[in-house]
């Protein structure tokens, strides 16, 4: 597994909501379930992560 640093959870998260945490890898980002951190995580490349963020900002998800 790639080393992951700087795990962060959204400041909009609360204890009753389903949330994810995002961490940094040397090649991009890692994402995990904040309520079950032992379940593992998936990684993305920098380009994949940027594309995902742009789609979020453009409200492409309903």
C-alpha atoms as a PDB file:
ATOM      1  CA  UNK A   1       0.000   0.000   0.000  1.00  0.00           C
ATOM      2  CA  UNK A   2       1.086   3.529  -0.683  1.00  0.00           C
ATOM      3  CA  UNK A   3       1.846   5.632   2.386  1.00  0.00           C
ATOM      4  CA  UNK A   4      -0.961   8.073   3.133  1.00  0.00           C
ATOM      5  CA  UNK A   5      -0.507  11.271   5.133  1.00  0.00           C
ATOM      6  CA  UNK A   6      -2.657  14.150   6.291  1.00  0.00           C
ATOM      7  CA  UNK A   7      -6.037  12.442   6.609  1.00  0.00           C
ATOM      8  CA  UNK A   8      -8.799  15.091   6.776  1.00  0.00           C
ATOM      9  CA  UNK A   9     -12.537  14.999   7.281  1.00  0.00           C
ATOM     10  CA  UNK A  10     -14.813  17.754   6.007  1.00  0.00           C
ATOM     11  CA  UNK A  11     -15.584  20.520   8.461  1.00  0.00           C
ATOM     12  CA  UNK A  12     -19.230  20.095   7.404  1.00  0.00           C
ATOM     13  CA  UNK A  13     -19.300  16.550   8.774  1.00  0.00           C
ATOM     14  CA  UNK A  14     -21.076  15.708  11.984  1.00  0.00           C
ATOM     15  CA  UNK A  15     -21.179  12.605  14.150  1.00  0.00           C
ATOM     16  CA  UNK A  16     -24.527  11.522  12.671  1.00  0.00           C
ATOM     17  CA  UNK A  17     -23.634  11.763   8.979  1.00  0.00           C
ATOM     18  CA  UNK A  18     -21.894   9.300   6.715  1.00  0.00           C
ATOM     19  CA  UNK A  19     -18.530  10.828   5.835  1.00  0.00           C
ATOM     20  CA  UNK A  20     -15.285  10.073   4.132  1.00  0.00           C
ATOM     21  CA  UNK A  21     -11.765  11.212   4.873  1.00  0.00           C
ATOM     22  CA  UNK A  22      -9.217  12.233   2.279  1.00  0.00           C
ATOM     23  CA  UNK A  23      -5.477  11.773   2.603  1.00  0.00           C
ATOM     24  CA  UNK A  24      -2.472  12.518   0.428  1.00  0.00           C
ATOM     25  CA  UNK A  25      -0.313  10.042  -1.446  1.00  0.00           C
ATOM     26  CA  UNK A  26       2.756  10.750  -3.521  1.00  0.00           C
ATOM     27  CA  UNK A  27       0.678  10.172  -6.675  1.00  0.00           C
ATOM     28  CA  UNK A  28      -2.670  11.721  -5.694  1.00  0.00           C
ATOM     29  CA  UNK A  29      -5.272  11.103  -3.009  1.00  0.00           C
ATOM     30  CA  UNK A  30      -6.662   8.346  -0.820  1.00  0.00           C
ATOM     31  CA  UNK A  31     -10.258   8.069   0.406  1.00  0.00           C
ATOM     32  CA  UNK A  32     -11.644   6.048   3.333  1.00  0.00           C
ATOM     33  CA  UNK A  33     -14.829   5.710   5.369  1.00  0.00           C
ATOM     34  CA  UNK A  34     -14.476   7.866   8.483  1.00  0.00           C
ATOM     35  CA  UNK A  35     -16.689   5.529  10.496  1.00  0.00           C
ATOM     36  CA  UNK A  36     -14.729   2.360   9.562  1.00  0.00           C
ATOM     37  CA  UNK A  37     -11.107   3.334   9.038  1.00  0.00           C
ATOM     38  CA  UNK A  38      -9.946  -0.275   9.364  1.00  0.00           C
ATOM     39  CA  UNK A  39     -11.847  -1.242   6.185  1.00  0.00           C
ATOM     40  CA  UNK A  40      -9.059   0.215   4.054  1.00  0.00           C
ATOM     41  CA  UNK A  41      -9.040   2.940   1.426  1.00  0.00           C
ATOM     42  CA  UNK A  42      -8.825   3.491  -2.294  1.00  0.00           C
ATOM     43  CA  UNK A  43      -6.366   5.703  -4.102  1.00  0.00           C
ATOM     44  CA  UNK A  44      -6.586   7.969  -7.134  1.00  0.00           C
ATOM     45  CA  UNK A  45      -4.022   9.685  -9.285  1.00  0.00           C
ATOM     46  CA  UNK A  46      -3.659  13.436  -9.079  1.00  0.00           C
ATOM     47  CA  UNK A  47      -5.463  13.840 -12.412  1.00  0.00           C
ATOM     48  CA  UNK A  48      -8.361  11.573 -11.350  1.00  0.00           C
ATOM     49  CA  UNK A  49      -8.770  13.515  -8.109  1.00  0.00           C
ATOM     50  CA  UNK A  50      -8.742  16.876  -9.904  1.00  0.00           C
ATOM     51  CA  UNK A  51     -11.351  15.639 -12.392  1.00  0.00           C
ATOM     52  CA  UNK A  52     -13.557  14.435  -9.536  1.00  0.00           C
ATOM     53  CA  UNK A  53     -13.271  17.763  -7.684  1.00  0.00           C
ATOM     54  CA  UNK A  54     -14.111  19.722 -10.844  1.00  0.00           C
ATOM     55  CA  UNK A  55     -17.210  17.566 -11.355  1.00  0.00           C
ATOM     56  CA  UNK A  56     -18.291  18.202  -7.751  1.00  0.00           C
ATOM     57  CA  UNK A  57     -17.819  21.943  -8.097  1.00  0.00           C
ATOM     58  CA  UNK A  58     -19.802  21.930 -11.355  1.00  0.00           C
ATOM     59  CA  UNK A  59     -22.634  20.030  -9.574  1.00  0.00           C
ATOM     60  CA  UNK A  60     -22.507  17.035 -11.923  1.00  0.00           C
ATOM     61  CA  UNK A  61     -23.808  14.722  -9.186  1.00  0.00           C
ATOM     62  CA  UNK A  62     -27.447  14.657  -8.125  1.00  0.00           C
END
